[in-house]
Amino acid sequence: MADYSAIIYEIKDRVAYITLNRPEKRNAMNGQLLGELDAALAEAEGDRNVRIVVIQGAGTSFCAGYDLTPTSTANGAPSLMADRAAELRNIRRWLRMLDMAKPIIAKVHGYAVAGGIELAMMCDMVVATEDSKFGYPIVRGTGTPPTLIFPWLIGLRLTNELLFTGRLVSGREAVEMRMINRAVPADKLDAELQTLLDSMLAAPADLTELVKFGIQQQYEIMGIRAGIRASFEVHIVGHHAESVLEFHKIRQEQGLKAALSWRDDR
């Protein structure tokens, strides 16, 4: 087992639990966390004793997105091509999650926003608290979605609403939108997840893997991978939009808090 610090990796009863472990940052993803997430997913994929992977967050939230602080290496490349290369690593990670033979479940509480909602949506299923918050506030001035998975999950109209406004939706509303599978009161989240795991573990591992592959092939035929790659190129162009450049100028000169206030108070 690899040595992790930005995540916690545990195996219990044939389930690999990957816990994002930067609670002081609401589990914002920096370079270290993303690298360890890659390693943990590969470790779970290669472990014959693991049937299912659960991704969750330590502290008060699932994941608040990518770390935008000036010292972060997760975002903010200095040139167009360096920016594209850095972001392409994220796209490849999410596509590997689609390709992974074993089912992945996101267990969400608190915030799953920006890169956090991206991570959750690339999982095969999502179980959340009713008061959790999902959304893509970066469209208010920070950028566009690099992995445009939403049309495949919730359709055109709701995707338009979500991404034209950048508003946050609760776990309860996310179920109604068919964005996630289940939303329960916070004190029942662990039990709800365990019920789902027990049902899945009752099925043979080989058939579960074949079912996941078969389902994914339907989306491949419809063009999901080509669509995600196309939206990624739009995202890179979006990094150089005037509003995004202004956001990062304020962030560098006045700090992240001031930049977020500029974005959200307009």
C-alpha atoms as a PDB file:
ATOM      1  CA  MET A   1       0.000   0.000   0.000  1.00  0.00           C
ATOM      2  CA  ALA A   2       1.301   3.428  -0.949  1.00  0.00           C
ATOM      3  CA  ASP A   3       2.090   6.090   1.648  1.00  0.00           C
ATOM      4  CA  TYR A   4      -0.669   8.721   1.552  1.00  0.00           C
ATOM      5  CA  SER A   5      -1.169  11.980   3.437  1.00  0.00           C
ATOM      6  CA  ALA A   6      -3.572  14.098   1.342  1.00  0.00           C
ATOM      7  CA  ILE A   7      -5.983  11.161   1.284  1.00  0.00           C
ATOM      8  CA  ILE A   8      -6.780   8.251   3.592  1.00  0.00           C
ATOM      9  CA  TYR A   9      -6.989   4.815   1.980  1.00  0.00           C
ATOM     10  CA  GLU A  10      -8.724   1.965   3.809  1.00  0.00           C
ATOM     11  CA  ILE A  11     -10.217  -1.382   2.856  1.00  0.00           C
ATOM     12  CA  LYS A  12     -13.173  -2.738   4.816  1.00  0.00           C
ATOM     13  CA  ASP A  13     -15.348  -5.680   3.829  1.00  0.00           C
ATOM     14  CA  ARG A  14     -14.261  -5.674   0.152  1.00  0.00           C
ATOM     15  CA  VAL A  15     -14.784  -1.906  -0.174  1.00  0.00           C
ATOM     16  CA  ALA A  16     -11.929   0.564  -0.709  1.00  0.00           C
ATOM     17  CA  TYR A  17     -12.617   3.904   0.990  1.00  0.00           C
ATOM     18  CA  ILE A  18     -10.734   6.896  -0.414  1.00  0.00           C
ATOM     19  CA  THR A  19     -11.133   9.870   1.921  1.00  0.00           C
ATOM     20  CA  LEU A  20     -10.016  13.281   0.673  1.00  0.00           C
ATOM     21  CA  ASN A  21      -8.014  14.539   3.627  1.00  0.00           C
ATOM     22  CA  ARG A  22      -7.561  18.307   3.458  1.00  0.00           C
ATOM     23  CA  PRO A  23     -10.403  19.285   5.796  1.00  0.00           C
ATOM     24  CA  GLU A  24      -8.879  22.695   6.546  1.00  0.00           C
ATOM     25  CA  LYS A  25      -9.369  23.489   2.820  1.00  0.00           C
ATOM     26  CA  ARG A  26     -12.726  21.722   2.490  1.00  0.00           C
ATOM     27  CA  ASN A  27     -10.730  19.100   0.579  1.00  0.00           C
ATOM     28  CA  ALA A  28      -9.836  21.453  -2.265  1.00  0.00           C
ATOM     29  CA  MET A  29      -7.742  19.441  -4.698  1.00  0.00           C
ATOM     30  CA  ASN A  30      -4.097  20.409  -5.111  1.00  0.00           C
ATOM     31  CA  GLY A  31      -1.386  18.575  -6.995  1.00  0.00           C
ATOM     32  CA  GLN A  32      -0.545  16.261  -4.116  1.00  0.00           C
ATOM     33  CA  LEU A  33      -4.131  15.219  -3.490  1.00  0.00           C
ATOM     34  CA  LEU A  34      -4.770  14.587  -7.181  1.00  0.00           C
ATOM     35  CA  GLY A  35      -1.625  12.486  -7.481  1.00  0.00           C
ATOM     36  CA  GLU A  36      -2.573  10.422  -4.439  1.00  0.00           C
ATOM     37  CA  LEU A  37      -6.126  10.028  -5.742  1.00  0.00           C
ATOM     38  CA  ASP A  38      -4.704   8.612  -8.980  1.00  0.00           C
ATOM     39  CA  ALA A  39      -2.515   6.197  -7.036  1.00  0.00           C
ATOM     40  CA  ALA A  40      -5.352   5.075  -4.759  1.00  0.00           C
ATOM     41  CA  LEU A  41      -7.713   4.429  -7.671  1.00  0.00           C
ATOM     42  CA  ALA A  42      -5.012   2.376  -9.394  1.00  0.00           C
ATOM     43  CA  GLU A  43      -4.357   0.467  -6.167  1.00  0.00           C
ATOM     44  CA  ALA A  44      -8.046  -0.343  -5.744  1.00  0.00           C
ATOM     45  CA  GLU A  45      -8.334  -1.346  -9.395  1.00  0.00           C
ATOM     46  CA  GLY A  46      -5.484  -3.839  -9.044  1.00  0.00           C
ATOM     47  CA  ASP A  47      -6.605  -5.353  -5.721  1.00  0.00           C
ATOM     48  CA  ARG A  48      -8.639  -8.519  -6.257  1.00  0.00           C
ATOM     49  CA  ASN A  49     -10.052  -8.190  -2.736  1.00  0.00           C
ATOM     50  CA  VAL A  50     -11.702  -4.861  -3.580  1.00  0.00           C
ATOM     51  CA  ARG A  51     -15.180  -4.973  -5.134  1.00  0.00           C
ATOM     52  CA  ILE A  52     -16.324  -1.357  -4.812  1.00  0.00           C
ATOM     53  CA  VAL A  53     -14.652   2.029  -4.313  1.00  0.00           C
ATOM     54  CA  VAL A  54     -16.162   4.793  -2.152  1.00  0.00           C
ATOM     55  CA  ILE A  55     -14.855   8.363  -2.406  1.00  0.00           C
ATOM     56  CA  GLN A  56     -15.687  10.673   0.502  1.00  0.00           C
ATOM     57  CA  GLY A  57     -14.375  13.801   2.215  1.00  0.00           C
ATOM     58  CA  ALA A  58     -12.986  14.462   5.686  1.00  0.00           C
ATOM     59  CA  GLY A  59     -14.308  17.355   7.755  1.00  0.00           C
ATOM     60  CA  THR A  60     -17.267  19.516   6.791  1.00  0.00           C
ATOM     61  CA  SER A  61     -17.400  18.922   3.025  1.00  0.00           C
ATOM     62  CA  PHE A  62     -16.902  16.418   0.255  1.00  0.00           C
ATOM     63  CA  CYS A  63     -14.806  18.698  -1.960  1.00  0.00           C
ATOM     64  CA  ALA A  64     -14.769  22.449  -2.645  1.00  0.00           C
ATOM     65  CA  GLY A  65     -13.099  22.079  -6.045  1.00  0.00           C
ATOM     66  CA  TYR A  66      -9.548  22.789  -7.143  1.00  0.00           C
ATOM     67  CA  ASP A  67      -7.239  24.652  -4.805  1.00  0.00           C
ATOM     68  CA  LEU A  68      -6.933  28.205  -6.169  1.00  0.00           C
ATOM     69  CA  THR A  69      -4.478  29.524  -3.606  1.00  0.00           C
ATOM     70  CA  PRO A  70      -1.314  30.995  -5.192  1.00  0.00           C
ATOM     71  CA  THR A  71       0.907  28.141  -3.980  1.00  0.00           C
ATOM     72  CA  SER A  72      -1.315  25.458  -5.528  1.00  0.00           C
ATOM     73  CA  THR A  73      -0.091  23.476  -8.518  1.00  0.00           C
ATOM     74  CA  ALA A  74      -3.571  22.181  -9.382  1.00  0.00           C
ATOM     75  CA  ASN A  75      -4.463  25.175 -11.558  1.00  0.00           C
ATOM     76  CA  GLY A  76      -3.050  28.368 -12.975  1.00  0.00           C
ATOM     77  CA  ALA A  77      -0.527  27.325 -15.677  1.00  0.00           C
ATOM     78  CA  PRO A  78       1.492  30.251 -17.102  1.00  0.00           C
ATOM     79  CA  SER A  79       0.914  29.612 -20.817  1.00  0.00           C
ATOM     80  CA  LEU A  80      -1.828  28.246 -23.039  1.00  0.00           C
ATOM     81  CA  MET A  81      -0.059  24.966 -23.807  1.00  0.00           C
ATOM     82  CA  ALA A  82       1.157  24.423 -20.234  1.00  0.00           C
ATOM     83  CA  ASP A  83      -2.389  25.165 -19.048  1.00  0.00           C
ATOM     84  CA  ARG A  84      -3.806  22.643 -21.510  1.00  0.00           C
ATOM     85  CA  ALA A  85      -1.298  19.959 -20.496  1.00  0.00           C
ATOM     86  CA  ALA A  86      -2.064  20.412 -16.780  1.00  0.00           C
ATOM     87  CA  GLU A  87      -5.812  20.323 -17.308  1.00  0.00           C
ATOM     88  CA  LEU A  88      -5.573  17.352 -19.667  1.00  0.00           C
ATOM     89  CA  ARG A  89      -4.279  15.264 -16.780  1.00  0.00           C
ATOM     90  CA  ASN A  90      -7.556  15.921 -14.972  1.00  0.00           C
ATOM     91  CA  ILE A  91      -9.633  14.913 -17.998  1.00  0.00           C
ATOM     92  CA  ARG A  92      -7.688  11.683 -18.362  1.00  0.00           C
ATOM     93  CA  ARG A  93      -8.239  10.938 -14.677  1.00  0.00           C
ATOM     94  CA  TRP A  94     -12.011  11.351 -14.942  1.00  0.00           C
ATOM     95  CA  LEU A  95     -12.156   9.228 -18.094  1.00  0.00           C
ATOM     96  CA  ARG A  96     -10.175   6.504 -16.316  1.00  0.00           C
ATOM     97  CA  MET A  97     -12.866   6.519 -13.641  1.00  0.00           C
ATOM     98  CA  LEU A  98     -15.451   5.810 -16.351  1.00  0.00           C
ATOM     99  CA  ASP A  99     -13.262   2.984 -17.642  1.00  0.00           C
ATOM    100  CA  MET A 100     -12.528   1.481 -14.219  1.00  0.00           C
ATOM    101  CA  ALA A 101     -14.081  -1.973 -14.008  1.00  0.00           C
ATOM    102  CA  LYS A 102     -15.126  -1.623 -10.375  1.00  0.00           C
ATOM    103  CA  PRO A 103     -18.068   0.603  -9.417  1.00  0.00           C
ATOM    104  CA  ILE A 104     -17.244   3.916  -7.733  1.00  0.00           C
ATOM    105  CA  ILE A 105     -19.652   5.601  -5.312  1.00  0.00           C
ATOM    106  CA  ALA A 106     -19.368   9.208  -4.145  1.00  0.00           C
ATOM    107  CA  LYS A 107     -20.520   9.783  -0.569  1.00  0.00           C
ATOM    108  CA  VAL A 108     -21.245  13.504  -0.388  1.00  0.00           C
ATOM    109  CA  HIS A 109     -21.842  15.863   2.506  1.00  0.00           C
ATOM    110  CA  GLY A 110     -21.357  19.610   2.703  1.00  0.00           C
ATOM    111  CA  TYR A 111     -20.126  21.104  -0.549  1.00  0.00           C
ATOM    112  CA  ALA A 112     -19.438  19.339  -3.844  1.00  0.00           C
ATOM    113  CA  VAL A 113     -18.747  22.327  -6.076  1.00  0.00           C
ATOM    114  CA  ALA A 114     -16.605  23.160  -9.118  1.00  0.00           C
ATOM    115  CA  GLY A 115     -14.009  20.370  -9.353  1.00  0.00           C
ATOM    116  CA  GLY A 116     -15.786  18.674  -6.448  1.00  0.00           C
ATOM    117  CA  ILE A 117     -19.008  18.189  -8.375  1.00  0.00           C
ATOM    118  CA  GLU A 118     -16.914  17.078 -11.337  1.00  0.00           C
ATOM    119  CA  LEU A 119     -15.341  14.347  -9.191  1.00  0.00           C
ATOM    120  CA  ALA A 120     -18.718  13.252  -7.825  1.00  0.00           C
ATOM    121  CA  MET A 121     -20.377  13.171 -11.243  1.00  0.00           C
ATOM    122  CA  MET A 122     -17.663  10.928 -12.690  1.00  0.00           C
ATOM    123  CA  CYS A 123     -18.512   8.300 -10.069  1.00  0.00           C
ATOM    124  CA  ASP A 124     -21.017   5.610 -11.010  1.00  0.00           C
ATOM    125  CA  MET A 125     -23.400   6.520  -8.178  1.00  0.00           C
ATOM    126  CA  VAL A 126     -23.794   9.332  -5.674  1.00  0.00           C
ATOM    127  CA  VAL A 127     -25.316   9.159  -2.189  1.00  0.00           C
ATOM    128  CA  ALA A 128     -25.581  12.476  -0.340  1.00  0.00           C
ATOM    129  CA  THR A 129     -27.102  14.310   2.556  1.00  0.00           C
ATOM    130  CA  GLU A 130     -30.270  16.273   1.867  1.00  0.00           C
ATOM    131  CA  ASP A 131     -28.569  19.544   2.786  1.00  0.00           C
ATOM    132  CA  SER A 132     -25.423  18.996   0.725  1.00  0.00           C
ATOM    133  CA  LYS A 133     -24.711  21.565  -1.990  1.00  0.00           C
ATOM    134  CA  PHE A 134     -23.897  20.805  -5.620  1.00  0.00           C
ATOM    135  CA  GLY A 135     -23.018  23.352  -8.276  1.00  0.00           C
ATOM    136  CA  TYR A 136     -20.603  25.023 -10.640  1.00  0.00           C
ATOM    137  CA  PRO A 137     -20.138  28.584  -9.345  1.00  0.00           C
ATOM    138  CA  ILE A 138     -17.009  29.044 -11.460  1.00  0.00           C
ATOM    139  CA  VAL A 139     -19.213  30.014 -14.429  1.00  0.00           C
ATOM    140  CA  ARG A 140     -19.807  33.332 -12.634  1.00  0.00           C
ATOM    141  CA  GLY A 141     -16.317  34.446 -13.546  1.00  0.00           C
ATOM    142  CA  THR A 142     -13.690  31.761 -12.997  1.00  0.00           C
ATOM    143  CA  GLY A 143     -14.119  29.568 -16.090  1.00  0.00           C
ATOM    144  CA  THR A 144     -16.185  26.876 -17.767  1.00  0.00           C
ATOM    145  CA  PRO A 145     -16.607  23.168 -16.932  1.00  0.00           C
ATOM    146  CA  PRO A 146     -13.594  21.186 -18.174  1.00  0.00           C
ATOM    147  CA  THR A 147     -15.564  17.930 -18.034  1.00  0.00           C
ATOM    148  CA  LEU A 148     -19.048  18.583 -19.376  1.00  0.00           C
ATOM    149  CA  ILE A 149     -20.754  15.488 -17.995  1.00  0.00           C
ATOM    150  CA  PHE A 150     -23.997  17.213 -17.002  1.00  0.00           C
ATOM    151  CA  PRO A 151     -25.951  16.878 -20.292  1.00  0.00           C
ATOM    152  CA  TRP A 152     -25.460  13.115 -20.099  1.00  0.00           C
ATOM    153  CA  LEU A 153     -26.871  13.022 -16.567  1.00  0.00           C
ATOM    154  CA  ILE A 154     -29.605  15.668 -16.341  1.00  0.00           C
ATOM    155  CA  GLY A 155     -30.366  16.668 -19.935  1.00  0.00           C
ATOM    156  CA  LEU A 156     -30.207  19.925 -21.867  1.00  0.00           C
ATOM    157  CA  ARG A 157     -32.645  22.195 -19.998  1.00  0.00           C
ATOM    158  CA  LEU A 158     -31.380  21.527 -16.503  1.00  0.00           C
ATOM    159  CA  THR A 159     -27.757  21.706 -17.641  1.00  0.00           C
ATOM    160  CA  ASN A 160     -28.476  25.117 -19.145  1.00  0.00           C
ATOM    161  CA  GLU A 161     -30.021  26.309 -15.894  1.00  0.00           C
ATOM    162  CA  LEU A 162     -27.189  24.952 -13.759  1.00  0.00           C
ATOM    163  CA  LEU A 163     -24.405  26.399 -15.889  1.00  0.00           C
ATOM    164  CA  PHE A 164     -25.971  29.652 -17.047  1.00  0.00           C
ATOM    165  CA  THR A 165     -26.596  30.662 -13.415  1.00  0.00           C
ATOM    166  CA  GLY A 166     -23.902  28.924 -11.381  1.00  0.00           C
ATOM    167  CA  ARG A 167     -26.444  28.383  -8.621  1.00  0.00           C
ATOM    168  CA  LEU A 168     -26.103  25.658  -6.007  1.00  0.00           C
ATOM    169  CA  VAL A 169     -28.700  22.921  -5.570  1.00  0.00           C
ATOM    170  CA  SER A 170     -29.332  20.841  -2.462  1.00  0.00           C
ATOM    171  CA  GLY A 171     -28.956  17.091  -2.286  1.00  0.00           C
ATOM    172  CA  ARG A 172     -32.716  16.784  -2.271  1.00  0.00           C
ATOM    173  CA  GLU A 173     -33.040  18.864  -5.451  1.00  0.00           C
ATOM    174  CA  ALA A 174     -30.150  16.984  -7.036  1.00  0.00           C
ATOM    175  CA  VAL A 175     -32.161  13.757  -6.698  1.00  0.00           C
ATOM    176  CA  GLU A 176     -35.146  15.397  -8.383  1.00  0.00           C
ATOM    177  CA  MET A 177     -32.851  16.506 -11.203  1.00  0.00           C
ATOM    178  CA  ARG A 178     -31.533  12.919 -11.520  1.00  0.00           C
ATOM    179  CA  MET A 179     -28.046  14.232 -10.826  1.00  0.00           C
ATOM    180  CA  ILE A 180     -27.537  11.861  -7.885  1.00  0.00           C
ATOM    181  CA  ASN A 181     -29.090   8.608  -6.693  1.00  0.00           C
ATOM    182  CA  ARG A 182     -30.154   9.229  -3.106  1.00  0.00           C
ATOM    183  CA  ALA A 183     -30.317  12.014  -0.537  1.00  0.00           C
ATOM    184  CA  VAL A 184     -30.981  11.362   3.138  1.00  0.00           C
ATOM    185  CA  PRO A 185     -30.698  13.230   6.459  1.00  0.00           C
ATOM    186  CA  ALA A 186     -27.087  13.607   7.538  1.00  0.00           C
ATOM    187  CA  ASP A 187     -27.409  11.157  10.438  1.00  0.00           C
ATOM    188  CA  LYS A 188     -28.618   8.444   8.043  1.00  0.00           C
ATOM    189  CA  LEU A 189     -25.941   8.837   5.363  1.00  0.00           C
ATOM    190  CA  ASP A 190     -23.675   6.036   6.609  1.00  0.00           C
ATOM    191  CA  ALA A 191     -26.578   3.611   6.912  1.00  0.00           C
ATOM    192  CA  GLU A 192     -27.889   4.506   3.460  1.00  0.00           C
ATOM    193  CA  LEU A 193     -24.491   3.920   1.928  1.00  0.00           C
ATOM    194  CA  GLN A 194     -24.139   0.583   3.725  1.00  0.00           C
ATOM    195  CA  THR A 195     -27.528  -0.567   2.461  1.00  0.00           C
ATOM    196  CA  LEU A 196     -26.436   0.191  -1.088  1.00  0.00           C
ATOM    197  CA  LEU A 197     -23.086  -1.537  -0.596  1.00  0.00           C
ATOM    198  CA  ASP A 198     -24.724  -4.657   0.841  1.00  0.00           C
ATOM    199  CA  SER A 199     -27.035  -4.893  -2.175  1.00  0.00           C
ATOM    200  CA  MET A 200     -24.148  -4.514  -4.601  1.00  0.00           C
ATOM    201  CA  LEU A 201     -21.884  -6.961  -2.793  1.00  0.00           C
ATOM    202  CA  ALA A 202     -24.587  -9.608  -3.059  1.00  0.00           C
ATOM    203  CA  ALA A 203     -24.089  -9.676  -6.836  1.00  0.00           C
ATOM    204  CA  PRO A 204     -21.134 -11.570  -8.380  1.00  0.00           C
ATOM    205  CA  ALA A 205     -18.080  -9.410  -9.004  1.00  0.00           C
ATOM    206  CA  ASP A 206     -17.576 -10.604 -12.581  1.00  0.00           C
ATOM    207  CA  LEU A 207     -21.144  -9.783 -13.575  1.00  0.00           C
ATOM    208  CA  THR A 208     -20.981  -6.348 -11.956  1.00  0.00           C
ATOM    209  CA  GLU A 209     -17.870  -5.545 -13.964  1.00  0.00           C
ATOM    210  CA  LEU A 210     -19.492  -6.757 -17.173  1.00  0.00           C
ATOM    211  CA  VAL A 211     -22.647  -4.753 -16.476  1.00  0.00           C
ATOM    212  CA  LYS A 212     -20.628  -1.573 -15.898  1.00  0.00           C
ATOM    213  CA  PHE A 213     -18.717  -2.156 -19.123  1.00  0.00           C
ATOM    214  CA  GLY A 214     -21.928  -2.797 -21.073  1.00  0.00           C
ATOM    215  CA  ILE A 215     -23.612   0.335 -19.745  1.00  0.00           C
ATOM    216  CA  GLN A 216     -20.557   2.444 -20.498  1.00  0.00           C
ATOM    217  CA  GLN A 217     -20.446   1.164 -24.076  1.00  0.00           C
ATOM    218  CA  GLN A 218     -23.918   2.601 -24.669  1.00  0.00           C
ATOM    219  CA  TYR A 219     -22.627   6.044 -23.777  1.00  0.00           C
ATOM    220  CA  GLU A 220     -19.492   5.514 -25.855  1.00  0.00           C
ATOM    221  CA  ILE A 221     -21.671   4.807 -28.889  1.00  0.00           C
ATOM    222  CA  MET A 222     -23.597   8.031 -28.221  1.00  0.00           C
ATOM    223  CA  GLY A 223     -20.317   9.953 -28.089  1.00  0.00           C
ATOM    224  CA  ILE A 224     -19.735  10.757 -24.412  1.00  0.00           C
ATOM    225  CA  ARG A 225     -15.945  10.678 -24.684  1.00  0.00           C
ATOM    226  CA  ALA A 226     -15.858  12.860 -27.807  1.00  0.00           C
ATOM    227  CA  GLY A 227     -18.248  15.313 -26.146  1.00  0.00           C
ATOM    228  CA  ILE A 228     -16.125  15.596 -23.017  1.00  0.00           C
ATOM    229  CA  ARG A 229     -12.948  16.123 -25.049  1.00  0.00           C
ATOM    230  CA  ALA A 230     -14.637  18.832 -27.136  1.00  0.00           C
ATOM    231  CA  SER A 231     -15.887  20.696 -24.054  1.00  0.00           C
ATOM    232  CA  PHE A 232     -12.384  20.473 -22.590  1.00  0.00           C
ATOM    233  CA  GLU A 233     -10.967  22.527 -25.474  1.00  0.00           C
ATOM    234  CA  VAL A 234     -13.683  25.149 -24.891  1.00  0.00           C
ATOM    235  CA  HIS A 235     -12.665  25.194 -21.224  1.00  0.00           C
ATOM    236  CA  ILE A 236      -9.044  26.012 -22.100  1.00  0.00           C
ATOM    237  CA  VAL A 237     -10.184  28.928 -24.252  1.00  0.00           C
ATOM    238  CA  GLY A 238     -12.367  30.043 -21.341  1.00  0.00           C
ATOM    239  CA  HIS A 239      -9.291  30.395 -19.131  1.00  0.00           C
ATOM    240  CA  HIS A 240      -8.331  33.361 -21.302  1.00  0.00           C
ATOM    241  CA  ALA A 241     -11.715  35.091 -21.269  1.00  0.00           C
ATOM    242  CA  GLU A 242     -11.655  38.651 -19.957  1.00  0.00           C
ATOM    243  CA  SER A 243     -13.676  37.829 -16.843  1.00  0.00           C
ATOM    244  CA  VAL A 244     -11.379  34.947 -15.919  1.00  0.00           C
ATOM    245  CA  LEU A 245      -8.241  37.014 -16.408  1.00  0.00           C
ATOM    246  CA  GLU A 246      -9.746  39.729 -14.216  1.00  0.00           C
ATOM    247  CA  PHE A 247     -10.540  37.161 -11.497  1.00  0.00           C
ATOM    248  CA  HIS A 248      -6.953  35.924 -11.419  1.00  0.00           C
ATOM    249  CA  LYS A 249      -5.579  39.462 -11.445  1.00  0.00           C
ATOM    250  CA  ILE A 250      -7.621  40.265  -8.324  1.00  0.00           C
ATOM    251  CA  ARG A 251      -6.590  36.959  -6.760  1.00  0.00           C
ATOM    252  CA  GLN A 252      -2.893  37.714  -7.274  1.00  0.00           C
ATOM    253  CA  GLU A 253      -3.114  41.325  -6.118  1.00  0.00           C
ATOM    254  CA  GLN A 254      -5.673  41.103  -3.293  1.00  0.00           C
ATOM    255  CA  GLY A 255      -5.997  37.424  -2.443  1.00  0.00           C
ATOM    256  CA  LEU A 256      -8.447  34.623  -3.131  1.00  0.00           C
ATOM    257  CA  LYS A 257     -11.141  35.903  -0.755  1.00  0.00           C
ATOM    258  CA  ALA A 258     -11.282  39.251  -2.564  1.00  0.00           C
ATOM    259  CA  ALA A 259     -11.445  37.511  -5.950  1.00  0.00           C
ATOM    260  CA  LEU A 260     -14.309  35.271  -4.849  1.00  0.00           C
ATOM    261  CA  SER A 261     -16.175  38.299  -3.467  1.00  0.00           C
ATOM    262  CA  TRP A 262     -15.695  40.077  -6.799  1.00  0.00           C
ATOM    263  CA  ARG A 263     -17.057  37.017  -8.594  1.00  0.00           C
ATOM    264  CA  ASP A 264     -20.075  36.379  -6.380  1.00  0.00           C
ATOM    265  CA  ASP A 265     -21.108  39.908  -5.420  1.00  0.00           C
ATOM    266  CA  ARG A 266     -21.520  41.224  -8.928  1.00  0.00           C
END
